[in-house]
């Protein structure tokens, strides 16, 4: 948990209950959610402007893929993890990123974010 204390996280998730749960887990791990988006346009705006250490991206945002958000984050050298109910098969092969299988638990979020923190170190 020490590696996550004070880290800034962007959460991109279209399901409000899942987003709130993810935000609670991130806070419990000592990190801070500095931006949250449920639509692709919101996510793109935040991904290109917000100061974050890493991001958690839902693959499917109301029927639109979050690949463009991932591309923007990658261009800014911001590590990210995908969250999906489809497993690794649901993630574009171009993005070598951790994948959280939905539904996920605190330990899954901790593992993924710790991996991202290590990439950032």
Protein backbone atom coordinates (compact mmCIF):
# COMPACT_ATOMS: atom_id res chain seq x y z
CA UNK A 1 0.00 0.00 0.00
CA UNK A 2 2.93 2.35 0.62
CA UNK A 3 3.70 2.60 -3.10
CA UNK A 4 0.21 3.97 -3.72
CA UNK A 5 0.04 6.58 -0.95
CA UNK A 6 -0.46 10.01 -2.48
CA UNK A 7 -0.64 8.73 -6.06
CA UNK A 8 -3.14 10.49 -8.31
CA UNK A 9 -5.53 8.29 -10.30
CA UNK A 10 -7.96 8.91 -13.16
CA UNK A 11 -11.01 6.61 -13.16
CA UNK A 12 -12.91 6.06 -16.41
CA UNK A 13 -16.02 3.93 -15.83
CA UNK A 14 -19.55 4.19 -17.23
CA UNK A 15 -21.35 2.27 -14.47
CA UNK A 16 -21.88 4.62 -11.49
CA UNK A 17 -21.88 1.85 -8.86
CA UNK A 18 -18.66 0.34 -10.25
CA UNK A 19 -17.05 3.80 -10.45
CA UNK A 20 -17.94 4.57 -6.83
CA UNK A 21 -16.61 1.19 -5.69
CA UNK A 22 -13.36 1.71 -7.62
CA UNK A 23 -12.97 5.20 -6.15
CA UNK A 24 -13.53 3.83 -2.63
CA UNK A 25 -10.96 1.08 -3.19
CA UNK A 26 -8.42 3.56 -4.56
CA UNK A 27 -8.92 5.80 -1.51
CA UNK A 28 -8.61 2.79 0.81
CA UNK A 29 -5.25 2.03 -0.81
CA UNK A 30 -4.03 5.54 0.02
CA UNK A 31 -4.26 6.99 -3.48
CA UNK A 32 -6.40 9.91 -4.60
CA UNK A 33 -8.94 9.99 -7.44
CA UNK A 34 -8.29 13.30 -9.19
CA UNK A 35 -10.65 12.78 -12.09
CA UNK A 36 -13.57 10.57 -13.00
CA UNK A 37 -15.37 10.20 -16.33
CA UNK A 38 -18.25 8.07 -17.53
CA UNK A 39 -18.33 9.14 -21.19
CA UNK A 40 -15.69 9.01 -23.90
CA UNK A 41 -15.63 12.79 -24.49
CA UNK A 42 -15.18 13.47 -20.75
CA UNK A 43 -12.46 10.82 -20.53
CA UNK A 44 -10.59 12.27 -23.52
CA UNK A 45 -10.67 15.76 -22.02
CA UNK A 46 -9.33 14.51 -18.68
CA UNK A 47 -6.76 12.17 -20.23
CA UNK A 48 -5.26 15.05 -22.17
CA UNK A 49 -5.21 17.57 -19.33
CA UNK A 50 -5.33 16.18 -15.79
CA UNK A 51 -2.12 15.64 -13.79
CA UNK A 52 -2.23 11.94 -12.83
CA UNK A 53 0.20 9.17 -12.00
CA UNK A 54 -1.94 6.47 -13.63
CA UNK A 55 -5.44 5.58 -14.77
CA UNK A 56 -8.02 2.82 -14.54
CA UNK A 57 -9.99 2.54 -17.80
CA UNK A 58 -13.20 0.67 -18.48
CA UNK A 59 -12.77 -0.84 -21.96
CA UNK A 60 -16.36 -0.17 -23.01
CA UNK A 61 -17.94 3.21 -22.27
CA UNK A 62 -21.60 3.09 -23.19
CA UNK A 63 -20.79 1.15 -26.37
CA UNK A 64 -17.63 3.13 -27.24
CA UNK A 65 -14.17 1.68 -26.72
CA UNK A 66 -11.71 3.61 -24.55
CA UNK A 67 -8.76 2.91 -26.90
CA UNK A 68 -8.43 6.62 -27.78
CA UNK A 69 -8.15 7.46 -24.08
CA UNK A 70 -5.46 4.81 -23.68
CA UNK A 71 -3.61 6.26 -26.68
CA UNK A 72 -3.72 9.75 -25.21
CA UNK A 73 -2.42 8.50 -21.86
CA UNK A 74 0.31 6.50 -23.55
CA UNK A 75 1.40 9.59 -25.53
CA UNK A 76 1.72 11.40 -22.17
CA UNK A 77 3.68 8.45 -20.66
CA UNK A 78 0.94 7.80 -18.11
CA UNK A 79 0.54 4.10 -17.28
CA UNK A 80 -2.97 2.65 -17.19
CA UNK A 81 -4.86 -0.56 -16.52
CA UNK A 82 -8.01 -1.72 -18.26
CA UNK A 83 -11.09 -3.00 -16.45
CA UNK A 84 -13.41 -5.29 -18.37
CA UNK A 85 -15.83 -8.13 -18.00
CA UNK A 86 -14.40 -9.67 -21.18
CA UNK A 87 -10.94 -10.45 -19.77
CA UNK A 88 -7.73 -9.91 -21.71
CA UNK A 89 -9.47 -10.92 -24.93
CA UNK A 90 -11.49 -7.70 -24.71
CA UNK A 91 -8.39 -5.47 -24.77
CA UNK A 92 -6.79 -4.25 -27.99
CA UNK A 93 -3.52 -6.09 -28.60
CA UNK A 94 -1.74 -2.78 -29.22
CA UNK A 95 -2.00 -1.95 -25.52
CA UNK A 96 0.23 -3.97 -23.25
CA UNK A 97 -1.47 -3.00 -19.99
CA UNK A 98 -2.67 -4.79 -16.88
CA UNK A 99 -6.25 -6.02 -17.11
CA UNK A 100 -8.66 -6.12 -14.18
CA UNK A 101 -11.37 -8.71 -14.70
CA UNK A 102 -14.77 -7.40 -13.58
CA UNK A 103 -16.04 -7.83 -11.00
CA UNK A 104 -12.83 -7.06 -9.17
CA UNK A 105 -11.92 -6.85 -5.50
CA UNK A 106 -9.62 -4.59 -3.50
CA UNK A 107 -6.66 -6.96 -3.87
CA UNK A 108 -7.07 -6.89 -7.67
CA UNK A 109 -7.05 -3.09 -7.76
CA UNK A 110 -4.05 -3.01 -5.42
CA UNK A 111 -2.13 -5.46 -7.63
CA UNK A 112 -2.85 -3.51 -10.82
CA UNK A 113 -2.11 -0.07 -9.35
CA UNK A 114 1.07 -1.31 -7.67
CA UNK A 115 2.20 -2.66 -11.04
CA UNK A 116 1.48 0.76 -12.59
CA UNK A 117 3.35 2.54 -9.78
CA UNK A 118 6.38 0.35 -10.47
CA UNK A 119 6.22 1.31 -14.17
CA UNK A 120 6.19 4.96 -13.16
CA UNK A 121 9.16 4.62 -10.78
